[in-house]
PDB file of N, CA and C in Angstrom:
ATOM      1  N   UNK A   1       1.042  -1.073  -0.152  1.00  0.00           N
ATOM      2  CA  UNK A   1       0.437   0.177   0.324  1.00  0.00           C
ATOM      3  C   UNK A   1       0.897   1.095  -0.081  1.00  0.00           C
ATOM      4  N   UNK A   2       0.533   2.005  -1.032  1.00  0.00           N
ATOM      5  CA  UNK A   2       1.389   3.666  -1.130  1.00  0.00           C
ATOM      6  C   UNK A   2       0.792   4.439  -0.014  1.00  0.00           C
ATOM      7  N   UNK A   3       1.477   4.972   0.586  1.00  0.00           N
ATOM      8  CA  UNK A   3       1.253   6.572   1.223  1.00  0.00           C
ATOM      9  C   UNK A   3       0.183   7.568   0.785  1.00  0.00           C
ATOM     10  N   UNK A   4      -0.144   7.859   1.601  1.00  0.00           N
ATOM     11  CA  UNK A   4      -0.654   8.909   0.494  1.00  0.00           C
ATOM     12  C   UNK A   4       0.365  10.468   0.697  1.00  0.00           C
ATOM     13  N   UNK A   5      -0.006  11.074   0.266  1.00  0.00           N
ATOM     14  CA  UNK A   5       0.958  12.624   0.248  1.00  0.00           C
ATOM     15  C   UNK A   5       1.013  13.464   0.575  1.00  0.00           C
ATOM     16  N   UNK A   6       1.691  14.123   1.384  1.00  0.00           N
ATOM     17  CA  UNK A   6       1.101  14.903   2.240  1.00  0.00           C
ATOM     18  C   UNK A   6       0.189  16.389   2.012  1.00  0.00           C
ATOM     19  N   UNK A   7      -0.905  16.733   2.007  1.00  0.00           N
ATOM     20  CA  UNK A   7      -1.742  18.055   1.520  1.00  0.00           C
ATOM     21  C   UNK A   7      -0.966  19.073   2.202  1.00  0.00           C
ATOM     22  N   UNK A   8      -0.126  20.119   1.719  1.00  0.00           N
ATOM     23  CA  UNK A   8       0.295  21.577   2.097  1.00  0.00           C
ATOM     24  C   UNK A   8      -1.082  22.700   2.178  1.00  0.00           C
ATOM     25  N   UNK A   9      -0.819  23.646   2.973  1.00  0.00           N
ATOM     26  CA  UNK A   9      -1.529  24.362   2.763  1.00  0.00           C
ATOM     27  C   UNK A   9      -1.489  25.734   0.968  1.00  0.00           C
ATOM     28  N   UNK A  10      -2.371  26.040   0.628  1.00  0.00           N
ATOM     29  CA  UNK A  10      -2.250  26.925  -0.477  1.00  0.00           C
ATOM     30  C   UNK A  10      -0.612  27.989  -0.378  1.00  0.00           C
ATOM     31  N   UNK A  11      -0.318  28.495  -1.101  1.00  0.00           N
ATOM     32  CA  UNK A  11       0.554  29.729  -0.632  1.00  0.00           C
ATOM     33  C   UNK A  11       0.000  31.184  -0.675  1.00  0.00           C
ATOM     34  N   UNK A  12       0.548  31.790   0.380  1.00  0.00           N
ATOM     35  CA  UNK A  12      -0.691  33.158   0.596  1.00  0.00           C
ATOM     36  C   UNK A  12       0.215  34.017  -0.051  1.00  0.00           C
ATOM     37  N   UNK A  13       0.743  34.014  -1.014  1.00  0.00           N
ATOM     38  CA  UNK A  13       1.668  35.670  -1.156  1.00  0.00           C
ATOM     39  C   UNK A  13      -0.118  35.874  -2.256  1.00  0.00           C
ATOM     40  N   UNK A  14       0.341  37.351  -2.342  1.00  0.00           N
ATOM     41  CA  UNK A  14      -0.269  38.290  -2.687  1.00  0.00           C
ATOM     42  C   UNK A  14      -0.001  37.559  -4.389  1.00  0.00           C
ATOM     43  N   UNK A  15      -1.204  37.686  -5.492  1.00  0.00           N
ATOM     44  CA  UNK A  15      -1.088  37.791  -6.319  1.00  0.00           C
ATOM     45  C   UNK A  15      -1.316  39.489  -7.553  1.00  0.00           C
ATOM     46  N   UNK A  16      -0.955  39.434  -9.006  1.00  0.00           N
ATOM     47  CA  UNK A  16      -0.502  40.791  -9.383  1.00  0.00           C
ATOM     48  C   UNK A  16      -2.664  40.557  -9.801  1.00  0.00           C
ATOM     49  N   UNK A  17      -2.110  42.106  -9.769  1.00  0.00           N
ATOM     50  CA  UNK A  17      -3.701  42.513 -10.457  1.00  0.00           C
ATOM     51  C   UNK A  17      -3.773  41.883 -11.820  1.00  0.00           C
ATOM     52  N   UNK A  18      -4.920  41.649 -12.043  1.00  0.00           N
ATOM     53  CA  UNK A  18      -4.932  41.144 -13.882  1.00  0.00           C
ATOM     54  C   UNK A  18      -6.194  41.577 -13.987  1.00  0.00           C
ATOM     55  N   UNK A  19      -6.099  42.276 -15.590  1.00  0.00           N
ATOM     56  CA  UNK A  19      -6.940  43.420 -16.410  1.00  0.00           C
ATOM     57  C   UNK A  19      -7.423  41.429 -16.859  1.00  0.00           C
ATOM     58  N   UNK A  20      -8.361  40.879 -16.563  1.00  0.00           N
ATOM     59  CA  UNK A  20      -9.032  39.595 -17.632  1.00  0.00           C
ATOM     60  C   UNK A  20      -9.614  40.120 -19.082  1.00  0.00           C
ATOM     61  N   UNK A  21      -9.304  41.276 -19.211  1.00  0.00           N
ATOM     62  CA  UNK A  21     -10.228  41.525 -20.333  1.00  0.00           C
ATOM     63  C   UNK A  21      -9.256  40.811 -21.812  1.00  0.00           C
ATOM     64  N   UNK A  22      -9.315  39.844 -22.538  1.00  0.00           N
ATOM     65  CA  UNK A  22      -8.313  39.503 -23.502  1.00  0.00           C
ATOM     66  C   UNK A  22      -8.038  40.446 -24.468  1.00  0.00           C
ATOM     67  N   UNK A  23      -6.896  40.792 -24.932  1.00  0.00           N
ATOM     68  CA  UNK A  23      -6.114  41.625 -25.697  1.00  0.00           C
ATOM     69  C   UNK A  23      -6.450  41.579 -27.134  1.00  0.00           C
ATOM     70  N   UNK A  24      -6.705  41.623 -28.343  1.00  0.00           N
ATOM     71  CA  UNK A  24      -6.607  41.386 -28.996  1.00  0.00           C
ATOM     72  C   UNK A  24      -5.686  39.826 -29.477  1.00  0.00           C
ATOM     73  N   UNK A  25      -4.261  40.660 -29.116  1.00  0.00           N
ATOM     74  CA  UNK A  25      -3.428  39.907 -29.570  1.00  0.00           C
ATOM     75  C   UNK A  25      -3.557  38.502 -28.570  1.00  0.00           C
ATOM     76  N   UNK A  26      -3.972  38.393 -28.068  1.00  0.00           N
ATOM     77  CA  UNK A  26      -4.442  36.816 -26.777  1.00  0.00           C
ATOM     78  C   UNK A  26      -4.053  36.885 -25.177  1.00  0.00           C
ATOM     79  N   UNK A  27      -3.036  37.821 -25.093  1.00  0.00           N
ATOM     80  CA  UNK A  27      -2.531  38.679 -24.165  1.00  0.00           C
ATOM     81  C   UNK A  27      -3.527  38.926 -23.203  1.00  0.00           C
ATOM     82  N   UNK A  28      -2.917  38.847 -21.485  1.00  0.00           N
ATOM     83  CA  UNK A  28      -3.780  39.307 -20.630  1.00  0.00           C
ATOM     84  C   UNK A  28      -3.062  40.714 -19.926  1.00  0.00           C
ATOM     85  N   UNK A  29      -3.764  41.776 -19.452  1.00  0.00           N
ATOM     86  CA  UNK A  29      -3.012  42.793 -19.315  1.00  0.00           C
ATOM     87  C   UNK A  29      -3.198  42.299 -18.003  1.00  0.00           C
ATOM     88  N   UNK A  30      -1.685  43.119 -17.501  1.00  0.00           N
ATOM     89  CA  UNK A  30      -1.652  43.064 -16.191  1.00  0.00           C
ATOM     90  C   UNK A  30      -0.953  43.820 -15.791  1.00  0.00           C
ATOM     91  N   UNK A  31      -1.211  44.227 -14.493  1.00  0.00           N
ATOM     92  CA  UNK A  31      -0.727  46.000 -14.169  1.00  0.00           C
ATOM     93  C   UNK A  31       0.228  45.446 -12.055  1.00  0.00           C
ATOM     94  N   UNK A  32       1.472  45.530 -12.905  1.00  0.00           N
ATOM     95  CA  UNK A  32       2.576  45.707 -12.624  1.00  0.00           C
ATOM     96  C   UNK A  32       2.706  46.682 -11.184  1.00  0.00           C
ATOM     97  N   UNK A  33       2.867  45.965  -9.916  1.00  0.00           N
ATOM     98  CA  UNK A  33       2.795  47.507  -8.252  1.00  0.00           C
ATOM     99  C   UNK A  33       3.789  46.468  -7.661  1.00  0.00           C
ATOM    100  N   UNK A  34       4.248  47.079  -6.368  1.00  0.00           N
ATOM    101  CA  UNK A  34       5.076  46.181  -5.394  1.00  0.00           C
ATOM    102  C   UNK A  34       3.938  45.799  -4.780  1.00  0.00           C
ATOM    103  N   UNK A  35       2.619  45.848  -4.587  1.00  0.00           N
ATOM    104  CA  UNK A  35       1.753  45.165  -3.869  1.00  0.00           C
ATOM    105  C   UNK A  35       1.768  43.709  -4.557  1.00  0.00           C
ATOM    106  N   UNK A  36       1.914  43.517  -5.417  1.00  0.00           N
ATOM    107  CA  UNK A  36       2.136  42.226  -6.062  1.00  0.00           C
ATOM    108  C   UNK A  36       3.023  40.774  -5.644  1.00  0.00           C
ATOM    109  N   UNK A  37       3.530  41.650  -4.562  1.00  0.00           N
ATOM    110  CA  UNK A  37       3.948  40.410  -3.913  1.00  0.00           C
ATOM    111  C   UNK A  37       5.396  39.906  -4.187  1.00  0.00           C
ATOM    112  N   UNK A  38       5.523  40.302  -4.963  1.00  0.00           N
ATOM    113  CA  UNK A  38       7.348  39.810  -6.581  1.00  0.00           C
ATOM    114  C   UNK A  38       7.872  41.620  -6.187  1.00  0.00           C
ATOM    115  N   UNK A  39       9.478  41.096  -6.983  1.00  0.00           N
ATOM    116  CA  UNK A  39       9.901  42.727  -6.814  1.00  0.00           C
ATOM    117  C   UNK A  39       9.885  42.455  -8.417  1.00  0.00           C
ATOM    118  N   UNK A  40       9.730  44.582  -8.639  1.00  0.00           N
ATOM    119  CA  UNK A  40       9.371  44.491  -9.911  1.00  0.00           C
ATOM    120  C   UNK A  40      10.268  44.377 -11.189  1.00  0.00           C
ATOM    121  N   UNK A  41      11.382  43.897 -10.688  1.00  0.00           N
ATOM    122  CA  UNK A  41      12.500  43.325 -11.138  1.00  0.00           C
ATOM    123  C   UNK A  41      11.874  41.682 -11.986  1.00  0.00           C
ATOM    124  N   UNK A  42      12.314  41.091 -12.847  1.00  0.00           N
ATOM    125  CA  UNK A  42      12.070  40.187 -13.041  1.00  0.00           C
ATOM    126  C   UNK A  42      13.216  39.510 -12.727  1.00  0.00           C
ATOM    127  N   UNK A  43      14.692  40.114 -12.713  1.00  0.00           N
ATOM    128  CA  UNK A  43      16.078  39.326 -12.668  1.00  0.00           C
ATOM    129  C   UNK A  43      15.620  38.338 -11.044  1.00  0.00           C
ATOM    130  N   UNK A  44      14.935  40.043 -10.136  1.00  0.00           N
ATOM    131  CA  UNK A  44      14.779  39.260  -8.539  1.00  0.00           C
ATOM    132  C   UNK A  44      14.109  37.918  -8.176  1.00  0.00           C
ATOM    133  N   UNK A  45      13.608  37.773  -9.016  1.00  0.00           N
ATOM    134  CA  UNK A  45      12.400  36.790  -9.157  1.00  0.00           C
ATOM    135  C   UNK A  45      12.680  35.394  -8.204  1.00  0.00           C
ATOM    136  N   UNK A  46      12.452  34.245  -7.704  1.00  0.00           N
ATOM    137  CA  UNK A  46      12.220  33.190  -7.341  1.00  0.00           C
ATOM    138  C   UNK A  46      12.057  32.629  -8.164  1.00  0.00           C
ATOM    139  N   UNK A  47      11.935  31.093  -8.178  1.00  0.00           N
ATOM    140  CA  UNK A  47      10.947  30.599  -8.734  1.00  0.00           C
ATOM    141  C   UNK A  47       9.318  30.475  -8.470  1.00  0.00           C
ATOM    142  N   UNK A  48       9.094  30.793  -7.175  1.00  0.00           N
ATOM    143  CA  UNK A  48       7.764  30.549  -7.294  1.00  0.00           C
ATOM    144  C   UNK A  48       7.003  32.161  -7.659  1.00  0.00           C
ATOM    145  N   UNK A  49       7.722  32.843  -7.334  1.00  0.00           N
ATOM    146  CA  UNK A  49       7.437  33.943  -8.502  1.00  0.00           C
ATOM    147  C   UNK A  49       6.279  33.842  -9.951  1.00  0.00           C
ATOM    148  N   UNK A  50       8.263  33.643 -10.676  1.00  0.00           N
ATOM    149  CA  UNK A  50       7.400  33.157 -11.513  1.00  0.00           C
ATOM    150  C   UNK A  50       6.180  32.210 -12.071  1.00  0.00           C
ATOM    151  N   UNK A  51       6.359  30.775 -11.102  1.00  0.00           N
ATOM    152  CA  UNK A  51       4.884  29.895 -11.420  1.00  0.00           C
ATOM    153  C   UNK A  51       4.063  30.805 -10.936  1.00  0.00           C
ATOM    154  N   UNK A  52       3.593  31.599  -9.869  1.00  0.00           N
ATOM    155  CA  UNK A  52       2.697  32.913  -9.392  1.00  0.00           C
ATOM    156  C   UNK A  52       2.259  33.877 -10.996  1.00  0.00           C
ATOM    157  N   UNK A  53       3.246  34.171 -11.199  1.00  0.00           N
ATOM    158  CA  UNK A  53       3.492  35.556 -12.459  1.00  0.00           C
ATOM    159  C   UNK A  53       2.256  35.088 -13.672  1.00  0.00           C
ATOM    160  N   UNK A  54       3.135  33.573 -14.149  1.00  0.00           N
ATOM    161  CA  UNK A  54       2.375  32.755 -14.967  1.00  0.00           C
ATOM    162  C   UNK A  54       0.739  32.050 -14.577  1.00  0.00           C
ATOM    163  N   UNK A  55       0.506  31.703 -13.849  1.00  0.00           N
ATOM    164  CA  UNK A  55      -0.499  31.334 -12.998  1.00  0.00           C
ATOM    165  C   UNK A  55      -1.373  32.279 -12.995  1.00  0.00           C
ATOM    166  N   UNK A  56      -0.961  33.815 -12.507  1.00  0.00           N
ATOM    167  CA  UNK A  56      -1.896  34.829 -12.194  1.00  0.00           C
ATOM    168  C   UNK A  56      -2.521  35.801 -14.008  1.00  0.00           C
ATOM    169  N   UNK A  57      -1.193  35.697 -15.175  1.00  0.00           N
ATOM    170  CA  UNK A  57      -1.379  35.473 -16.485  1.00  0.00           C
ATOM    171  C   UNK A  57      -2.398  34.726 -17.026  1.00  0.00           C
ATOM    172  N   UNK A  58      -3.479  33.716 -16.274  1.00  0.00           N
ATOM    173  CA  UNK A  58      -3.719  32.998 -17.036  1.00  0.00           C
ATOM    174  C   UNK A  58      -3.789  31.668 -17.793  1.00  0.00           C
ATOM    175  N   UNK A  59      -2.103  31.361 -17.216  1.00  0.00           N
ATOM    176  CA  UNK A  59      -1.446  29.954 -17.540  1.00  0.00           C
ATOM    177  C   UNK A  59      -1.118  29.200 -16.898  1.00  0.00           C
ATOM    178  N   UNK A  60      -1.925  29.004 -15.944  1.00  0.00           N
ATOM    179  CA  UNK A  60      -2.213  28.274 -14.411  1.00  0.00           C
ATOM    180  C   UNK A  60      -1.939  26.530 -15.263  1.00  0.00           C
ATOM    181  N   UNK A  61      -1.514  25.742 -16.449  1.00  0.00           N
ATOM    182  CA  UNK A  61      -1.686  24.920 -16.312  1.00  0.00           C
ATOM    183  C   UNK A  61       0.315  24.412 -16.802  1.00  0.00           C
ATOM    184  N   UNK A  62       0.543  25.483 -17.377  1.00  0.00           N
ATOM    185  CA  UNK A  62       1.967  25.691 -17.412  1.00  0.00           C
ATOM    186  C   UNK A  62       2.498  25.494 -16.563  1.00  0.00           C
ATOM    187  N   UNK A  63       1.765  26.913 -15.568  1.00  0.00           N
ATOM    188  CA  UNK A  63       3.133  27.164 -15.005  1.00  0.00           C
ATOM    189  C   UNK A  63       3.537  26.105 -13.966  1.00  0.00           C
ATOM    190  N   UNK A  64       3.770  25.249 -14.096  1.00  0.00           N
ATOM    191  CA  UNK A  64       4.171  24.025 -13.411  1.00  0.00           C
ATOM    192  C   UNK A  64       4.959  23.675 -13.896  1.00  0.00           C
ATOM    193  N   UNK A  65       5.019  23.945 -15.624  1.00  0.00           N
ATOM    194  CA  UNK A  65       7.263  23.533 -16.003  1.00  0.00           C
ATOM    195  C   UNK A  65       7.997  24.298 -15.147  1.00  0.00           C
ATOM    196  N   UNK A  66       7.853  25.406 -15.289  1.00  0.00           N
ATOM    197  CA  UNK A  66       8.879  26.566 -14.720  1.00  0.00           C
ATOM    198  C   UNK A  66       9.303  26.142 -12.996  1.00  0.00           C
ATOM    199  N   UNK A  67       8.427  25.631 -12.915  1.00  0.00           N
ATOM    200  CA  UNK A  67       8.596  25.413 -11.628  1.00  0.00           C
ATOM    201  C   UNK A  67       9.331  23.931 -11.434  1.00  0.00           C
ATOM    202  N   UNK A  68       8.674  23.114 -12.378  1.00  0.00           N
ATOM    203  CA  UNK A  68       9.721  21.612 -12.266  1.00  0.00           C
ATOM    204  C   UNK A  68      11.201  21.814 -13.336  1.00  0.00           C
ATOM    205  N   UNK A  69      11.162  22.886 -14.054  1.00  0.00           N
ATOM    206  CA  UNK A  69      12.191  22.934 -14.461  1.00  0.00           C
ATOM    207  C   UNK A  69      13.448  23.902 -13.771  1.00  0.00           C
ATOM    208  N   UNK A  70      12.398  24.442 -12.714  1.00  0.00           N
ATOM    209  CA  UNK A  70      13.239  25.763 -11.555  1.00  0.00           C
ATOM    210  C   UNK A  70      13.673  26.991 -12.443  1.00  0.00           C
ATOM    211  N   UNK A  71      12.917  27.233 -13.254  1.00  0.00           N
ATOM    212  CA  UNK A  71      12.608  28.866 -13.677  1.00  0.00           C
ATOM    213  C   UNK A  71      12.529  29.989 -12.955  1.00  0.00           C
ATOM    214  N   UNK A  72      13.769  30.914 -12.517  1.00  0.00           N
ATOM    215  CA  UNK A  72      13.668  32.414 -12.139  1.00  0.00           C
ATOM    216  C   UNK A  72      13.967  33.527 -12.485  1.00  0.00           C
ATOM    217  N   UNK A  73      13.583  33.891 -11.754  1.00  0.00           N
ATOM    218  CA  UNK A  73      14.036  35.720 -12.778  1.00  0.00           C
ATOM    219  C   UNK A  73      14.701  35.565 -13.945  1.00  0.00           C
ATOM    220  N   UNK A  74      15.829  35.194 -12.842  1.00  0.00           N
ATOM    221  CA  UNK A  74      17.181  34.945 -14.054  1.00  0.00           C
ATOM    222  C   UNK A  74      17.033  34.619 -15.479  1.00  0.00           C
ATOM    223  N   UNK A  75      16.990  32.881 -14.366  1.00  0.00           N
ATOM    224  CA  UNK A  75      17.041  32.156 -15.929  1.00  0.00           C
ATOM    225  C   UNK A  75      15.772  32.729 -16.972  1.00  0.00           C
ATOM    226  N   UNK A  76      14.481  32.659 -16.188  1.00  0.00           N
ATOM    227  CA  UNK A  76      13.393  33.457 -17.112  1.00  0.00           C
ATOM    228  C   UNK A  76      13.940  34.704 -18.692  1.00  0.00           C
ATOM    229  N   UNK A  77      14.943  35.574 -17.544  1.00  0.00           N
ATOM    230  CA  UNK A  77      14.777  36.611 -18.561  1.00  0.00           C
ATOM    231  C   UNK A  77      16.277  35.990 -19.804  1.00  0.00           C
ATOM    232  N   UNK A  78      17.448  34.877 -19.413  1.00  0.00           N
ATOM    233  CA  UNK A  78      17.973  34.283 -20.430  1.00  0.00           C
ATOM    234  C   UNK A  78      17.133  33.275 -21.712  1.00  0.00           C
ATOM    235  N   UNK A  79      15.932  32.982 -21.103  1.00  0.00           N
ATOM    236  CA  UNK A  79      15.079  31.963 -22.450  1.00  0.00           C
ATOM    237  C   UNK A  79      14.890  32.713 -23.857  1.00  0.00           C
ATOM    238  N   UNK A  80      15.230  31.568 -24.594  1.00  0.00           N
ATOM    239  CA  UNK A  80      14.954  32.095 -26.476  1.00  0.00           C
ATOM    240  C   UNK A  80      13.494  30.891 -26.129  1.00  0.00           C
ATOM    241  N   UNK A  81      13.488  31.532 -27.026  1.00  0.00           N
ATOM    242  CA  UNK A  81      12.130  31.580 -28.395  1.00  0.00           C
ATOM    243  C   UNK A  81      12.019  29.394 -28.234  1.00  0.00           C
ATOM    244  N   UNK A  82      13.063  29.467 -28.589  1.00  0.00           N
ATOM    245  CA  UNK A  82      13.247  27.662 -28.680  1.00  0.00           C
ATOM    246  C   UNK A  82      13.024  27.165 -27.317  1.00  0.00           C
ATOM    247  N   UNK A  83      13.887  27.944 -26.084  1.00  0.00           N
ATOM    248  CA  UNK A  83      13.880  26.946 -25.259  1.00  0.00           C
ATOM    249  C   UNK A  83      12.185  27.123 -24.285  1.00  0.00           C
ATOM    250  N   UNK A  84      11.215  28.066 -24.799  1.00  0.00           N
ATOM    251  CA  UNK A  84       9.962  27.874 -23.827  1.00  0.00           C
ATOM    252  C   UNK A  84       8.884  26.607 -24.926  1.00  0.00           C
ATOM    253  N   UNK A  85       9.289  26.893 -26.356  1.00  0.00           N
ATOM    254  CA  UNK A  85       8.742  26.365 -27.741  1.00  0.00           C
ATOM    255  C   UNK A  85       9.411  24.425 -27.081  1.00  0.00           C
ATOM    256  N   UNK A  86      10.185  24.703 -27.240  1.00  0.00           N
ATOM    257  CA  UNK A  86      10.637  22.634 -27.023  1.00  0.00           C
ATOM    258  C   UNK A  86      10.988  22.471 -25.483  1.00  0.00           C
ATOM    259  N   UNK A  87      12.422  23.179 -24.430  1.00  0.00           N
ATOM    260  CA  UNK A  87      12.387  23.145 -22.986  1.00  0.00           C
ATOM    261  C   UNK A  87      11.501  22.604 -22.045  1.00  0.00           C
ATOM    262  N   UNK A  88      10.306  23.523 -22.502  1.00  0.00           N
ATOM    263  CA  UNK A  88       9.454  23.531 -21.449  1.00  0.00           C
ATOM    264  C   UNK A  88       8.068  22.409 -21.535  1.00  0.00           C
ATOM    265  N   UNK A  89       8.574  21.884 -22.093  1.00  0.00           N
ATOM    266  CA  UNK A  89       7.858  20.298 -23.209  1.00  0.00           C
ATOM    267  C   UNK A  89       5.895  20.847 -23.640  1.00  0.00           C
ATOM    268  N   UNK A  90       5.837  22.663 -23.590  1.00  0.00           N
ATOM    269  CA  UNK A  90       4.763  22.731 -23.898  1.00  0.00           C
ATOM    270  C   UNK A  90       3.791  22.688 -24.961  1.00  0.00           C
ATOM    271  N   UNK A  91       2.420  22.754 -24.875  1.00  0.00           N
ATOM    272  CA  UNK A  91       1.857  21.974 -26.229  1.00  0.00           C
ATOM    273  C   UNK A  91       1.857  23.896 -26.632  1.00  0.00           C
ATOM    274  N   UNK A  92       2.302  23.455 -28.356  1.00  0.00           N
ATOM    275  CA  UNK A  92       1.981  25.400 -29.428  1.00  0.00           C
ATOM    276  C   UNK A  92       1.660  26.321 -29.084  1.00  0.00           C
ATOM    277  N   UNK A  93       0.613  26.287 -29.285  1.00  0.00           N
ATOM    278  CA  UNK A  93      -0.689  27.497 -28.832  1.00  0.00           C
ATOM    279  C   UNK A  93      -0.038  27.802 -27.291  1.00  0.00           C
ATOM    280  N   UNK A  94      -0.390  27.106 -26.318  1.00  0.00           N
ATOM    281  CA  UNK A  94       0.471  28.312 -25.289  1.00  0.00           C
ATOM    282  C   UNK A  94       2.022  28.887 -25.124  1.00  0.00           C
ATOM    283  N   UNK A  95       2.144  27.759 -26.112  1.00  0.00           N
ATOM    284  CA  UNK A  95       3.996  28.042 -25.621  1.00  0.00           C
ATOM    285  C   UNK A  95       4.503  29.238 -26.502  1.00  0.00           C
ATOM    286  N   UNK A  96       3.821  29.095 -27.469  1.00  0.00           N
ATOM    287  CA  UNK A  96       3.793  30.650 -28.194  1.00  0.00           C
ATOM    288  C   UNK A  96       3.593  31.745 -27.781  1.00  0.00           C
ATOM    289  N   UNK A  97       1.931  31.964 -27.312  1.00  0.00           N
ATOM    290  CA  UNK A  97       1.581  33.052 -26.660  1.00  0.00           C
ATOM    291  C   UNK A  97       3.125  33.180 -25.184  1.00  0.00           C
ATOM    292  N   UNK A  98       3.392  32.452 -24.579  1.00  0.00           N
ATOM    293  CA  UNK A  98       3.081  32.924 -23.155  1.00  0.00           C
ATOM    294  C   UNK A  98       5.074  33.612 -23.336  1.00  0.00           C
ATOM    295  N   UNK A  99       6.068  32.973 -24.871  1.00  0.00           N
ATOM    296  CA  UNK A  99       7.074  33.658 -25.319  1.00  0.00           C
ATOM    297  C   UNK A  99       6.329  35.275 -25.367  1.00  0.00           C
ATOM    298  N   UNK A 100       5.601  34.839 -26.295  1.00  0.00           N
ATOM    299  CA  UNK A 100       5.800  36.313 -26.917  1.00  0.00           C
ATOM    300  C   UNK A 100       5.110  37.592 -26.902  1.00  0.00           C
ATOM    301  N   UNK A 101       3.795  36.946 -26.285  1.00  0.00           N
ATOM    302  CA  UNK A 101       3.294  37.693 -24.873  1.00  0.00           C
ATOM    303  C   UNK A 101       4.022  38.256 -23.477  1.00  0.00           C
ATOM    304  N   UNK A 102       4.243  37.471 -22.754  1.00  0.00           N
ATOM    305  CA  UNK A 102       5.175  37.336 -21.606  1.00  0.00           C
ATOM    306  C   UNK A 102       6.468  37.318 -21.466  1.00  0.00           C
ATOM    307  N   UNK A 103       7.233  36.252 -22.114  1.00  0.00           N
ATOM    308  CA  UNK A 103       8.605  36.141 -21.779  1.00  0.00           C
ATOM    309  C   UNK A 103       9.737  37.259 -22.016  1.00  0.00           C
ATOM    310  N   UNK A 104       9.170  37.734 -23.738  1.00  0.00           N
ATOM    311  CA  UNK A 104       9.385  38.599 -24.414  1.00  0.00           C
ATOM    312  C   UNK A 104       9.974  39.741 -24.357  1.00  0.00           C
ATOM    313  N   UNK A 105       8.307  40.210 -23.531  1.00  0.00           N
ATOM    314  CA  UNK A 105       8.605  42.095 -23.623  1.00  0.00           C
ATOM    315  C   UNK A 105       8.226  41.336 -22.127  1.00  0.00           C
ATOM    316  N   UNK A 106       9.062  41.064 -20.962  1.00  0.00           N
ATOM    317  CA  UNK A 106       9.865  40.903 -19.585  1.00  0.00           C
ATOM    318  C   UNK A 106      10.796  41.460 -20.365  1.00  0.00           C
ATOM    319  N   UNK A 107      11.597  40.901 -21.588  1.00  0.00           N
ATOM    320  CA  UNK A 107      13.508  40.629 -21.476  1.00  0.00           C
ATOM    321  C   UNK A 107      13.109  42.227 -21.714  1.00  0.00           C
ATOM    322  N   UNK A 108      12.398  42.508 -23.026  1.00  0.00           N
ATOM    323  CA  UNK A 108      12.141  43.740 -22.889  1.00  0.00           C
ATOM    324  C   UNK A 108      12.670  45.008 -22.202  1.00  0.00           C
ATOM    325  N   UNK A 109      11.656  44.819 -21.892  1.00  0.00           N
ATOM    326  CA  UNK A 109      11.132  46.058 -19.515  1.00  0.00           C
ATOM    327  C   UNK A 109      12.683  45.742 -18.943  1.00  0.00           C
ATOM    328  N   UNK A 110      13.035  44.379 -19.329  1.00  0.00           N
ATOM    329  CA  UNK A 110      14.737  44.191 -18.535  1.00  0.00           C
ATOM    330  C   UNK A 110      15.347  45.257 -18.655  1.00  0.00           C
ATOM    331  N   UNK A 111      15.471  44.868 -20.368  1.00  0.00           N
ATOM    332  CA  UNK A 111      17.070  45.675 -21.053  1.00  0.00           C
ATOM    333  C   UNK A 111      16.680  47.274 -20.948  1.00  0.00           C
ATOM    334  N   UNK A 112      16.073  47.454 -21.677  1.00  0.00           N
ATOM    335  CA  UNK A 112      15.489  49.019 -21.429  1.00  0.00           C
ATOM    336  C   UNK A 112      15.847  49.580 -19.971  1.00  0.00           C
ATOM    337  N   UNK A 113      15.170  48.886 -18.771  1.00  0.00           N
ATOM    338  CA  UNK A 113      15.143  49.660 -17.469  1.00  0.00           C
ATOM    339  C   UNK A 113      17.054  49.209 -16.873  1.00  0.00           C
ATOM    340  N   UNK A 114      17.514  48.491 -17.753  1.00  0.00           N
ATOM    341  CA  UNK A 114      18.812  48.451 -17.348  1.00  0.00           C
ATOM    342  C   UNK A 114      19.633  48.836 -17.719  1.00  0.00           C
ATOM    343  N   UNK A 115      19.657  49.440 -19.318  1.00  0.00           N
ATOM    344  CA  UNK A 115      20.593  50.044 -20.241  1.00  0.00           C
ATOM    345  C   UNK A 115      20.899  51.203 -19.527  1.00  0.00           C
ATOM    346  N   UNK A 116      22.197  51.802 -19.517  1.00  0.00           N
ATOM    347  CA  UNK A 116      22.743  53.319 -19.470  1.00  0.00           C
ATOM    348  C   UNK A 116      22.631  53.869 -20.847  1.00  0.00           C
TER     349      UNK A 116
END
């Protein structure tokens, strides 16, 4: 007989405010503020910050892949399109949206904010 896995309490970290109205391109509007429980710079995000970000923006099912692969903020900012499409073993549709509407914009914003 196999043991029963221990059920842990859900994490009570505050989530991002999300404008659930989908944009024309399939992305979801996200308001980034200090109240979201995450540092404003994705480079400072822990693995669970990345996971919670993707859960909040509507990728609940795919968020676990970031946890399984231990993708923290620094890793997220280094990801290529190919990493997201093949390395996370996600379905193509969600993977394309994750890269184009979330990973790429986060990378662009980070570079813009950290360039002299």
